[in-house]
């Protein structure tokens, strides 16, 4: 079955950086479109970034220019590099594909 395991979250100060990872199994990773979502307390889950099998990317307006999604097909892993983090980026971040979700990883941006 599809398994998605996120890692890399944590507490970071405003302006800092984090890199999230999502290891996938149970799918043909190289042909899968992968997504990162986030959900802040009291808010709906929102799409943050997408990467297609061909490497095309798309971002939410709120993170464009600060976040970068990438993939390593040799490791069945998708990444989210997050720079210039803001308190409003605080959320649980989820990896997703084929309507399946990981368990999420908490990102907290606070001084």
PDB file of N, CA and C in Angstrom:
ATOM      1  N   UNK A   1       0.842  -1.183   0.000  1.00  0.00           N
ATOM      2  CA  UNK A   1       0.000   0.000   0.000  1.00  0.00           C
ATOM      3  C   UNK A   1       0.885   1.244   0.000  1.00  0.00           C
ATOM      4  N   UNK A   2       0.263   2.374  -0.316  1.00  0.00           N
ATOM      5  CA  UNK A   2       0.998   3.628  -0.361  1.00  0.00           C
ATOM      6  C   UNK A   2       1.372   4.060   1.053  1.00  0.00           C
ATOM      7  N   UNK A   3       2.634   4.387   1.222  1.00  0.00           N
ATOM      8  CA  UNK A   3       3.097   4.943   2.503  1.00  0.00           C
ATOM      9  C   UNK A   3       3.908   6.193   2.216  1.00  0.00           C
ATOM     10  N   UNK A   4       3.599   7.242   2.970  1.00  0.00           N
ATOM     11  CA  UNK A   4       4.309   8.506   2.877  1.00  0.00           C
ATOM     12  C   UNK A   4       4.759   8.901   4.274  1.00  0.00           C
ATOM     13  N   UNK A   5       6.052   9.105   4.441  1.00  0.00           N
ATOM     14  CA  UNK A   5       6.592   9.408   5.761  1.00  0.00           C
ATOM     15  C   UNK A   5       7.368  10.718   5.692  1.00  0.00           C
ATOM     16  N   UNK A   6       6.821  11.734   6.377  1.00  0.00           N
ATOM     17  CA  UNK A   6       7.461  13.047   6.402  1.00  0.00           C
ATOM     18  C   UNK A   6       8.443  13.153   7.562  1.00  0.00           C
ATOM     19  N   UNK A   7       9.431  14.004   7.373  1.00  0.00           N
ATOM     20  CA  UNK A   7      10.391  14.302   8.431  1.00  0.00           C
ATOM     21  C   UNK A   7      10.985  15.680   8.183  1.00  0.00           C
ATOM     22  N   UNK A   8      11.664  16.200   9.208  1.00  0.00           N
ATOM     23  CA  UNK A   8      12.379  17.459   9.032  1.00  0.00           C
ATOM     24  C   UNK A   8      11.735  18.669   9.664  1.00  0.00           C
ATOM     25  N   UNK A   9      10.562  18.495  10.248  1.00  0.00           N
ATOM     26  CA  UNK A   9       9.930  19.629  10.901  1.00  0.00           C
ATOM     27  C   UNK A   9      10.629  19.998  12.189  1.00  0.00           C
ATOM     28  N   UNK A  10      10.194  21.113  12.775  1.00  0.00           N
ATOM     29  CA  UNK A  10      10.781  21.543  14.033  1.00  0.00           C
ATOM     30  C   UNK A  10      10.466  22.983  14.330  1.00  0.00           C
ATOM     31  N   UNK A  11      11.170  23.514  15.307  1.00  0.00           N
ATOM     32  CA  UNK A  11      11.016  24.909  15.729  1.00  0.00           C
ATOM     33  C   UNK A  11      12.144  25.730  15.119  1.00  0.00           C
ATOM     34  N   UNK A  12      11.785  26.833  14.491  1.00  0.00           N
ATOM     35  CA  UNK A  12      12.787  27.685  13.856  1.00  0.00           C
ATOM     36  C   UNK A  12      12.391  29.141  14.085  1.00  0.00           C
ATOM     37  N   UNK A  13      13.388  30.004  14.150  1.00  0.00           N
ATOM     38  CA  UNK A  13      13.117  31.430  14.325  1.00  0.00           C
ATOM     39  C   UNK A  13      12.683  32.055  13.003  1.00  0.00           C
ATOM     40  N   UNK A  14      11.932  33.144  13.073  1.00  0.00           N
ATOM     41  CA  UNK A  14      11.578  33.865  11.838  1.00  0.00           C
ATOM     42  C   UNK A  14      12.827  34.200  11.032  1.00  0.00           C
ATOM     43  N   UNK A  15      12.729  34.007   9.709  1.00  0.00           N
ATOM     44  CA  UNK A  15      13.862  34.224   8.836  1.00  0.00           C
ATOM     45  C   UNK A  15      14.722  32.992   8.630  1.00  0.00           C
ATOM     46  N   UNK A  16      14.465  31.948   9.407  1.00  0.00           N
ATOM     47  CA  UNK A  16      15.246  30.729   9.304  1.00  0.00           C
ATOM     48  C   UNK A  16      14.785  29.813   8.187  1.00  0.00           C
ATOM     49  N   UNK A  17      15.434  28.651   8.127  1.00  0.00           N
ATOM     50  CA  UNK A  17      15.160  27.680   7.066  1.00  0.00           C
ATOM     51  C   UNK A  17      14.959  26.285   7.646  1.00  0.00           C
ATOM     52  N   UNK A  18      14.193  25.497   6.923  1.00  0.00           N
ATOM     53  CA  UNK A  18      14.028  24.073   7.213  1.00  0.00           C
ATOM     54  C   UNK A  18      13.878  23.342   5.892  1.00  0.00           C
ATOM     55  N   UNK A  19      14.276  22.074   5.889  1.00  0.00           N
ATOM     56  CA  UNK A  19      14.029  21.229   4.732  1.00  0.00           C
ATOM     57  C   UNK A  19      13.214  20.017   5.169  1.00  0.00           C
ATOM     58  N   UNK A  20      12.043  19.887   4.597  1.00  0.00           N
ATOM     59  CA  UNK A  20      11.203  18.729   4.860  1.00  0.00           C
ATOM     60  C   UNK A  20      11.478  17.651   3.827  1.00  0.00           C
ATOM     61  N   UNK A  21      11.349  16.415   4.275  1.00  0.00           N
ATOM     62  CA  UNK A  21      11.504  15.275   3.380  1.00  0.00           C
ATOM     63  C   UNK A  21      10.263  14.397   3.478  1.00  0.00           C
ATOM     64  N   UNK A  22       9.959  13.711   2.388  1.00  0.00           N
ATOM     65  CA  UNK A  22       8.852  12.761   2.379  1.00  0.00           C
ATOM     66  C   UNK A  22       9.299  11.540   1.595  1.00  0.00           C
ATOM     67  N   UNK A  23       9.444  10.431   2.304  1.00  0.00           N
ATOM     68  CA  UNK A  23       9.831   9.176   1.673  1.00  0.00           C
ATOM     69  C   UNK A  23       8.580   8.397   1.303  1.00  0.00           C
ATOM     70  N   UNK A  24       8.499   7.993   0.044  1.00  0.00           N
ATOM     71  CA  UNK A  24       7.320   7.306  -0.464  1.00  0.00           C
ATOM     72  C   UNK A  24       7.627   5.845  -0.772  1.00  0.00           C
ATOM     73  N   UNK A  25       6.634   5.006  -0.549  1.00  0.00           N
ATOM     74  CA  UNK A  25       6.735   3.599  -0.924  1.00  0.00           C
ATOM     75  C   UNK A  25       5.363   3.117  -1.367  1.00  0.00           C
ATOM     76  N   UNK A  26       5.358   2.006  -2.105  1.00  0.00           N
ATOM     77  CA  UNK A  26       4.086   1.454  -2.565  1.00  0.00           C
ATOM     78  C   UNK A  26       3.558   2.095  -3.823  1.00  0.00           C
ATOM     79  N   UNK A  27       4.355   2.964  -4.439  1.00  0.00           N
ATOM     80  CA  UNK A  27       3.952   3.617  -5.687  1.00  0.00           C
ATOM     81  C   UNK A  27       5.125   3.600  -6.660  1.00  0.00           C
ATOM     82  N   UNK A  28       4.820   3.827  -7.931  1.00  0.00           N
ATOM     83  CA  UNK A  28       5.889   4.039  -8.902  1.00  0.00           C
ATOM     84  C   UNK A  28       6.232   5.513  -8.817  1.00  0.00           C
ATOM     85  N   UNK A  29       7.166   5.814  -7.943  1.00  0.00           N
ATOM     86  CA  UNK A  29       7.432   7.198  -7.558  1.00  0.00           C
ATOM     87  C   UNK A  29       7.768   8.068  -8.754  1.00  0.00           C
ATOM     88  N   UNK A  30       8.521   7.530  -9.690  1.00  0.00           N
ATOM     89  CA  UNK A  30       9.035   8.361 -10.784  1.00  0.00           C
ATOM     90  C   UNK A  30       7.939   8.944 -11.662  1.00  0.00           C
ATOM     91  N   UNK A  31       6.749   8.351 -11.641  1.00  0.00           N
ATOM     92  CA  UNK A  31       5.671   8.866 -12.478  1.00  0.00           C
ATOM     93  C   UNK A  31       4.589   9.574 -11.663  1.00  0.00           C
ATOM     94  N   UNK A  32       4.818   9.716 -10.372  1.00  0.00           N
ATOM     95  CA  UNK A  32       3.810  10.302  -9.490  1.00  0.00           C
ATOM     96  C   UNK A  32       3.981  11.810  -9.349  1.00  0.00           C
ATOM     97  N   UNK A  33       2.866  12.517  -9.432  1.00  0.00           N
ATOM     98  CA  UNK A  33       2.858  13.920  -9.040  1.00  0.00           C
ATOM     99  C   UNK A  33       2.803  13.976  -7.516  1.00  0.00           C
ATOM    100  N   UNK A  34       3.679  14.762  -6.934  1.00  0.00           N
ATOM    101  CA  UNK A  34       3.773  14.846  -5.477  1.00  0.00           C
ATOM    102  C   UNK A  34       3.388  16.245  -5.012  1.00  0.00           C
ATOM    103  N   UNK A  35       2.747  16.297  -3.873  1.00  0.00           N
ATOM    104  CA  UNK A  35       2.289  17.581  -3.331  1.00  0.00           C
ATOM    105  C   UNK A  35       2.709  17.740  -1.869  1.00  0.00           C
ATOM    106  N   UNK A  36       2.869  18.968  -1.479  1.00  0.00           N
ATOM    107  CA  UNK A  36       2.987  19.356  -0.068  1.00  0.00           C
ATOM    108  C   UNK A  36       1.786  20.238   0.269  1.00  0.00           C
ATOM    109  N   UNK A  37       1.134  19.897   1.357  1.00  0.00           N
ATOM    110  CA  UNK A  37       0.044  20.689   1.906  1.00  0.00           C
ATOM    111  C   UNK A  37       0.444  21.128   3.313  1.00  0.00           C
ATOM    112  N   UNK A  38      -0.302  22.073   3.843  1.00  0.00           N
ATOM    113  CA  UNK A  38      -0.137  22.434   5.247  1.00  0.00           C
ATOM    114  C   UNK A  38      -1.490  22.791   5.846  1.00  0.00           C
ATOM    115  N   UNK A  39      -1.563  22.619   7.151  1.00  0.00           N
ATOM    116  CA  UNK A  39      -2.782  22.982   7.878  1.00  0.00           C
ATOM    117  C   UNK A  39      -2.395  23.655   9.177  1.00  0.00           C
ATOM    118  N   UNK A  40      -2.782  24.908   9.283  1.00  0.00           N
ATOM    119  CA  UNK A  40      -2.540  25.679  10.509  1.00  0.00           C
ATOM    120  C   UNK A  40      -3.730  25.490  11.440  1.00  0.00           C
ATOM    121  N   UNK A  41      -3.530  25.718  12.736  1.00  0.00           N
ATOM    122  CA  UNK A  41      -4.628  25.549  13.700  1.00  0.00           C
ATOM    123  C   UNK A  41      -5.828  26.400  13.322  1.00  0.00           C
ATOM    124  N   UNK A  42      -6.993  25.779  13.273  1.00  0.00           N
ATOM    125  CA  UNK A  42      -8.218  26.498  12.989  1.00  0.00           C
ATOM    126  C   UNK A  42      -8.421  26.868  11.536  1.00  0.00           C
ATOM    127  N   UNK A  43      -7.531  26.381  10.666  1.00  0.00           N
ATOM    128  CA  UNK A  43      -7.638  26.728   9.239  1.00  0.00           C
ATOM    129  C   UNK A  43      -7.762  25.465   8.395  1.00  0.00           C
ATOM    130  N   UNK A  44      -8.243  25.668   7.182  1.00  0.00           N
ATOM    131  CA  UNK A  44      -8.340  24.540   6.258  1.00  0.00           C
ATOM    132  C   UNK A  44      -6.966  24.157   5.714  1.00  0.00           C
ATOM    133  N   UNK A  45      -6.863  22.905   5.328  1.00  0.00           N
ATOM    134  CA  UNK A  45      -5.636  22.452   4.703  1.00  0.00           C
ATOM    135  C   UNK A  45      -5.461  23.154   3.353  1.00  0.00           C
ATOM    136  N   UNK A  46      -4.240  23.621   3.086  1.00  0.00           N
ATOM    137  CA  UNK A  46      -4.001  24.320   1.828  1.00  0.00           C
ATOM    138  C   UNK A  46      -2.834  23.712   1.075  1.00  0.00           C
ATOM    139  N   UNK A  47      -2.933  23.748  -0.247  1.00  0.00           N
ATOM    140  CA  UNK A  47      -1.864  23.256  -1.096  1.00  0.00           C
ATOM    141  C   UNK A  47      -0.721  24.259  -1.109  1.00  0.00           C
ATOM    142  N   UNK A  48       0.477  23.765  -0.846  1.00  0.00           N
ATOM    143  CA  UNK A  48       1.655  24.621  -0.777  1.00  0.00           C
ATOM    144  C   UNK A  48       2.484  24.532  -2.051  1.00  0.00           C
ATOM    145  N   UNK A  49       2.735  23.296  -2.506  1.00  0.00           N
ATOM    146  CA  UNK A  49       3.609  23.125  -3.668  1.00  0.00           C
ATOM    147  C   UNK A  49       3.323  21.785  -4.331  1.00  0.00           C
ATOM    148  N   UNK A  50       3.566  21.750  -5.641  1.00  0.00           N
ATOM    149  CA  UNK A  50       3.351  20.547  -6.439  1.00  0.00           C
ATOM    150  C   UNK A  50       4.554  20.338  -7.346  1.00  0.00           C
ATOM    151  N   UNK A  51       4.912  19.083  -7.548  1.00  0.00           N
ATOM    152  CA  UNK A  51       5.935  18.764  -8.542  1.00  0.00           C
ATOM    153  C   UNK A  51       5.459  17.555  -9.345  1.00  0.00           C
ATOM    154  N   UNK A  52       5.509  17.699 -10.662  1.00  0.00           N
ATOM    155  CA  UNK A  52       5.080  16.611 -11.531  1.00  0.00           C
ATOM    156  C   UNK A  52       6.215  15.616 -11.760  1.00  0.00           C
ATOM    157  N   UNK A  53       5.880  14.543 -12.446  1.00  0.00           N
ATOM    158  CA  UNK A  53       6.904  13.549 -12.756  1.00  0.00           C
ATOM    159  C   UNK A  53       8.000  14.144 -13.633  1.00  0.00           C
ATOM    160  N   UNK A  54       7.644  15.123 -14.421  1.00  0.00           N
ATOM    161  CA  UNK A  54       8.621  15.758 -15.295  1.00  0.00           C
ATOM    162  C   UNK A  54       9.383  16.882 -14.662  1.00  0.00           C
ATOM    163  N   UNK A  55       9.083  17.147 -13.388  1.00  0.00           N
ATOM    164  CA  UNK A  55       9.812  18.175 -12.658  1.00  0.00           C
ATOM    165  C   UNK A  55       9.197  19.561 -12.722  1.00  0.00           C
ATOM    166  N   UNK A  56       8.031  19.692 -13.340  1.00  0.00           N
ATOM    167  CA  UNK A  56       7.350  20.980 -13.334  1.00  0.00           C
ATOM    168  C   UNK A  56       6.813  21.260 -11.935  1.00  0.00           C
ATOM    169  N   UNK A  57       6.909  22.517 -11.519  1.00  0.00           N
ATOM    170  CA  UNK A  57       6.515  22.892 -10.164  1.00  0.00           C
ATOM    171  C   UNK A  57       5.501  24.019 -10.166  1.00  0.00           C
ATOM    172  N   UNK A  58       4.761  24.079  -9.070  1.00  0.00           N
ATOM    173  CA  UNK A  58       3.809  25.163  -8.877  1.00  0.00           C
ATOM    174  C   UNK A  58       3.704  25.419  -7.381  1.00  0.00           C
ATOM    175  N   UNK A  59       3.473  26.693  -7.034  1.00  0.00           N
ATOM    176  CA  UNK A  59       3.487  27.091  -5.627  1.00  0.00           C
ATOM    177  C   UNK A  59       2.294  27.962  -5.284  1.00  0.00           C
ATOM    178  N   UNK A  60       1.904  27.897  -4.021  1.00  0.00           N
ATOM    179  CA  UNK A  60       0.940  28.859  -3.514  1.00  0.00           C
ATOM    180  C   UNK A  60       1.584  30.240  -3.520  1.00  0.00           C
ATOM    181  N   UNK A  61       0.772  31.249  -3.737  1.00  0.00           N
ATOM    182  CA  UNK A  61       1.292  32.616  -3.808  1.00  0.00           C
ATOM    183  C   UNK A  61       2.009  33.010  -2.517  1.00  0.00           C
ATOM    184  N   UNK A  62       1.535  32.481  -1.409  1.00  0.00           N
ATOM    185  CA  UNK A  62       2.085  32.864  -0.103  1.00  0.00           C
ATOM    186  C   UNK A  62       3.504  32.350   0.134  1.00  0.00           C
ATOM    187  N   UNK A  63       3.937  31.358  -0.657  1.00  0.00           N
ATOM    188  CA  UNK A  63       5.272  30.787  -0.432  1.00  0.00           C
ATOM    189  C   UNK A  63       6.196  30.943  -1.637  1.00  0.00           C
ATOM    190  N   UNK A  64       5.666  31.438  -2.734  1.00  0.00           N
ATOM    191  CA  UNK A  64       6.456  31.550  -3.967  1.00  0.00           C
ATOM    192  C   UNK A  64       7.671  32.439  -3.718  1.00  0.00           C
ATOM    193  N   UNK A  65       8.820  31.974  -4.155  1.00  0.00           N
ATOM    194  CA  UNK A  65      10.060  32.705  -3.958  1.00  0.00           C
ATOM    195  C   UNK A  65      10.771  32.378  -2.653  1.00  0.00           C
ATOM    196  N   UNK A  66      10.083  31.686  -1.756  1.00  0.00           N
ATOM    197  CA  UNK A  66      10.683  31.301  -0.469  1.00  0.00           C
ATOM    198  C   UNK A  66      10.832  29.790  -0.334  1.00  0.00           C
ATOM    199  N   UNK A  67       9.895  29.051  -0.890  1.00  0.00           N
ATOM    200  CA  UNK A  67       9.898  27.590  -0.790  1.00  0.00           C
ATOM    201  C   UNK A  67      10.273  26.984  -2.143  1.00  0.00           C
ATOM    202  N   UNK A  68      10.946  25.827  -2.079  1.00  0.00           N
ATOM    203  CA  UNK A  68      11.299  25.100  -3.293  1.00  0.00           C
ATOM    204  C   UNK A  68      10.989  23.622  -3.109  1.00  0.00           C
ATOM    205  N   UNK A  69      10.197  23.083  -4.013  1.00  0.00           N
ATOM    206  CA  UNK A  69       9.903  21.656  -4.002  1.00  0.00           C
ATOM    207  C   UNK A  69      10.827  20.966  -4.993  1.00  0.00           C
ATOM    208  N   UNK A  70      11.313  19.793  -4.605  1.00  0.00           N
ATOM    209  CA  UNK A  70      12.191  19.031  -5.489  1.00  0.00           C
ATOM    210  C   UNK A  70      11.978  17.545  -5.221  1.00  0.00           C
ATOM    211  N   UNK A  71      12.531  16.722  -6.084  1.00  0.00           N
ATOM    212  CA  UNK A  71      12.366  15.283  -5.910  1.00  0.00           C
ATOM    213  C   UNK A  71      13.644  14.562  -6.299  1.00  0.00           C
ATOM    214  N   UNK A  72      13.845  13.406  -5.667  1.00  0.00           N
ATOM    215  CA  UNK A  72      14.958  12.525  -6.013  1.00  0.00           C
ATOM    216  C   UNK A  72      14.354  11.151  -6.300  1.00  0.00           C
ATOM    217  N   UNK A  73      14.231  10.837  -7.565  1.00  0.00           N
ATOM    218  CA  UNK A  73      13.587   9.579  -7.941  1.00  0.00           C
ATOM    219  C   UNK A  73      14.425   8.360  -7.560  1.00  0.00           C
ATOM    220  N   UNK A  74      15.716   8.549  -7.336  1.00  0.00           N
ATOM    221  CA  UNK A  74      16.555   7.422  -6.921  1.00  0.00           C
ATOM    222  C   UNK A  74      16.308   7.058  -5.458  1.00  0.00           C
ATOM    223  N   UNK A  75      15.751   8.019  -4.707  1.00  0.00           N
ATOM    224  CA  UNK A  75      15.482   7.783  -3.287  1.00  0.00           C
ATOM    225  C   UNK A  75      13.987   7.744  -2.977  1.00  0.00           C
ATOM    226  N   UNK A  76      13.143   7.869  -4.004  1.00  0.00           N
ATOM    227  CA  UNK A  76      11.684   7.912  -3.801  1.00  0.00           C
ATOM    228  C   UNK A  76      11.306   8.956  -2.757  1.00  0.00           C
ATOM    229  N   UNK A  77      11.932  10.110  -2.865  1.00  0.00           N
ATOM    230  CA  UNK A  77      11.757  11.153  -1.849  1.00  0.00           C
ATOM    231  C   UNK A  77      11.476  12.499  -2.506  1.00  0.00           C
ATOM    232  N   UNK A  78      10.552  13.226  -1.898  1.00  0.00           N
ATOM    233  CA  UNK A  78      10.265  14.599  -2.305  1.00  0.00           C
ATOM    234  C   UNK A  78      10.641  15.519  -1.148  1.00  0.00           C
ATOM    235  N   UNK A  79      11.136  16.676  -1.488  1.00  0.00           N
ATOM    236  CA  UNK A  79      11.623  17.635  -0.493  1.00  0.00           C
ATOM    237  C   UNK A  79      10.858  18.954  -0.591  1.00  0.00           C
ATOM    238  N   UNK A  80      10.866  19.671   0.518  1.00  0.00           N
ATOM    239  CA  UNK A  80      10.375  21.041   0.522  1.00  0.00           C
ATOM    240  C   UNK A  80      11.393  21.888   1.275  1.00  0.00           C
ATOM    241  N   UNK A  81      12.154  22.669   0.544  1.00  0.00           N
ATOM    242  CA  UNK A  81      13.105  23.592   1.143  1.00  0.00           C
ATOM    243  C   UNK A  81      12.365  24.883   1.458  1.00  0.00           C
ATOM    244  N   UNK A  82      12.384  25.259   2.712  1.00  0.00           N
ATOM    245  CA  UNK A  82      11.647  26.439   3.161  1.00  0.00           C
ATOM    246  C   UNK A  82      12.626  27.468   3.713  1.00  0.00           C
ATOM    247  N   UNK A  83      12.698  28.604   3.063  1.00  0.00           N
ATOM    248  CA  UNK A  83      13.583  29.685   3.476  1.00  0.00           C
ATOM    249  C   UNK A  83      12.767  30.906   3.893  1.00  0.00           C
ATOM    250  N   UNK A  84      13.428  31.815   4.571  1.00  0.00           N
ATOM    251  CA  UNK A  84      12.782  33.072   5.010  1.00  0.00           C
ATOM    252  C   UNK A  84      11.443  32.784   5.686  1.00  0.00           C
ATOM    253  N   UNK A  85      11.470  31.864   6.602  1.00  0.00           N
ATOM    254  CA  UNK A  85      10.231  31.432   7.242  1.00  0.00           C
ATOM    255  C   UNK A  85       9.616  32.541   8.081  1.00  0.00           C
ATOM    256  N   UNK A  86       8.284  32.544   8.102  1.00  0.00           N
ATOM    257  CA  UNK A  86       7.506  33.538   8.822  1.00  0.00           C
ATOM    258  C   UNK A  86       6.625  32.830   9.843  1.00  0.00           C
ATOM    259  N   UNK A  87       6.207  33.542  10.873  1.00  0.00           N
ATOM    260  CA  UNK A  87       5.306  32.912  11.855  1.00  0.00           C
ATOM    261  C   UNK A  87       4.049  32.328  11.200  1.00  0.00           C
ATOM    262  N   UNK A  88       3.566  32.952  10.159  1.00  0.00           N
ATOM    263  CA  UNK A  88       2.366  32.444   9.492  1.00  0.00           C
ATOM    264  C   UNK A  88       2.603  31.160   8.698  1.00  0.00           C
ATOM    265  N   UNK A  89       3.842  30.720   8.613  1.00  0.00           N
ATOM    266  CA  UNK A  89       4.133  29.414   8.007  1.00  0.00           C
ATOM    267  C   UNK A  89       3.959  28.274   9.012  1.00  0.00           C
ATOM    268  N   UNK A  90       3.714  28.613  10.258  1.00  0.00           N
ATOM    269  CA  UNK A  90       3.501  27.596  11.283  1.00  0.00           C
ATOM    270  C   UNK A  90       2.300  26.736  10.927  1.00  0.00           C
ATOM    271  N   UNK A  91       2.511  25.427  10.865  1.00  0.00           N
ATOM    272  CA  UNK A  91       1.457  24.500  10.467  1.00  0.00           C
ATOM    273  C   UNK A  91       1.996  23.076  10.545  1.00  0.00           C
ATOM    274  N   UNK A  92       1.087  22.132  10.402  1.00  0.00           N
ATOM    275  CA  UNK A  92       1.492  20.757  10.141  1.00  0.00           C
ATOM    276  C   UNK A  92       1.585  20.606   8.625  1.00  0.00           C
ATOM    277  N   UNK A  93       2.726  20.104   8.164  1.00  0.00           N
ATOM    278  CA  UNK A  93       2.970  19.942   6.733  1.00  0.00           C
ATOM    279  C   UNK A  93       2.815  18.476   6.352  1.00  0.00           C
ATOM    280  N   UNK A  94       2.054  18.266   5.286  1.00  0.00           N
ATOM    281  CA  UNK A  94       1.737  16.922   4.825  1.00  0.00           C
ATOM    282  C   UNK A  94       2.235  16.722   3.391  1.00  0.00           C
ATOM    283  N   UNK A  95       2.735  15.535   3.159  1.00  0.00           N
ATOM    284  CA  UNK A  95       3.063  15.076   1.820  1.00  0.00           C
ATOM    285  C   UNK A  95       1.846  14.297   1.295  1.00  0.00           C
ATOM    286  N   UNK A  96       1.585  14.389  -0.007  1.00  0.00           N
ATOM    287  CA  UNK A  96       0.421  13.698  -0.550  1.00  0.00           C
ATOM    288  C   UNK A  96       0.663  13.273  -1.996  1.00  0.00           C
ATOM    289  N   UNK A  97       0.011  12.182  -2.371  1.00  0.00           N
ATOM    290  CA  UNK A  97      -0.045  11.732  -3.748  1.00  0.00           C
ATOM    291  C   UNK A  97      -1.159  10.707  -3.885  1.00  0.00           C
ATOM    292  N   UNK A  98      -1.804  10.694  -5.043  1.00  0.00           N
ATOM    293  CA  UNK A  98      -2.854   9.705  -5.320  1.00  0.00           C
ATOM    294  C   UNK A  98      -3.888   9.660  -4.195  1.00  0.00           C
ATOM    295  N   UNK A  99      -4.226  10.824  -3.670  1.00  0.00           N
ATOM    296  CA  UNK A  99      -5.223  10.966  -2.598  1.00  0.00           C
ATOM    297  C   UNK A  99      -4.806  10.270  -1.307  1.00  0.00           C
ATOM    298  N   UNK A 100      -3.538  10.021  -1.150  1.00  0.00           N
ATOM    299  CA  UNK A 100      -3.005   9.457   0.084  1.00  0.00           C
ATOM    300  C   UNK A 100      -2.158  10.515   0.783  1.00  0.00           C
ATOM    301  N   UNK A 101      -2.120  10.435   2.096  1.00  0.00           N
ATOM    302  CA  UNK A 101      -1.445  11.445   2.917  1.00  0.00           C
ATOM    303  C   UNK A 101      -0.478  10.794   3.890  1.00  0.00           C
ATOM    304  N   UNK A 102       0.574  11.537   4.194  1.00  0.00           N
ATOM    305  CA  UNK A 102       1.429  11.117   5.280  1.00  0.00           C
ATOM    306  C   UNK A 102       0.840  11.542   6.610  1.00  0.00           C
ATOM    307  N   UNK A 103       1.602  11.311   7.675  1.00  0.00           N
ATOM    308  CA  UNK A 103       1.113  11.628   9.018  1.00  0.00           C
ATOM    309  C   UNK A 103       1.347  13.083   9.379  1.00  0.00           C
ATOM    310  N   UNK A 104       2.176  13.751   8.609  1.00  0.00           N
ATOM    311  CA  UNK A 104       2.451  15.160   8.833  1.00  0.00           C
ATOM    312  C   UNK A 104       3.655  15.396   9.723  1.00  0.00           C
ATOM    313  N   UNK A 105       4.240  16.579   9.573  1.00  0.00           N
ATOM    314  CA  UNK A 105       5.349  16.999  10.415  1.00  0.00           C
ATOM    315  C   UNK A 105       5.116  18.450  10.818  1.00  0.00           C
ATOM    316  N   UNK A 106       5.307  18.736  12.097  1.00  0.00           N
ATOM    317  CA  UNK A 106       5.007  20.063  12.628  1.00  0.00           C
ATOM    318  C   UNK A 106       6.139  21.031  12.329  1.00  0.00           C
ATOM    319  N   UNK A 107       5.778  22.187  11.805  1.00  0.00           N
ATOM    320  CA  UNK A 107       6.712  23.290  11.618  1.00  0.00           C
ATOM    321  C   UNK A 107       6.208  24.467  12.440  1.00  0.00           C
ATOM    322  N   UNK A 108       7.056  24.949  13.330  1.00  0.00           N
ATOM    323  CA  UNK A 108       6.710  26.089  14.168  1.00  0.00           C
ATOM    324  C   UNK A 108       7.744  27.179  13.966  1.00  0.00           C
ATOM    325  N   UNK A 109       7.283  28.359  13.585  1.00  0.00           N
ATOM    326  CA  UNK A 109       8.162  29.502  13.363  1.00  0.00           C
ATOM    327  C   UNK A 109       7.863  30.530  14.446  1.00  0.00           C
ATOM    328  N   UNK A 110       8.813  30.675  15.338  1.00  0.00           N
ATOM    329  CA  UNK A 110       8.583  31.549  16.491  1.00  0.00           C
ATOM    330  C   UNK A 110       9.914  31.986  17.070  1.00  0.00           C
ATOM    331  N   UNK A 111       9.914  33.201  17.627  1.00  0.00           N
ATOM    332  CA  UNK A 111      11.105  33.677  18.313  1.00  0.00           C
ATOM    333  C   UNK A 111      11.019  33.391  19.803  1.00  0.00           C
TER     334      UNK A 111
END
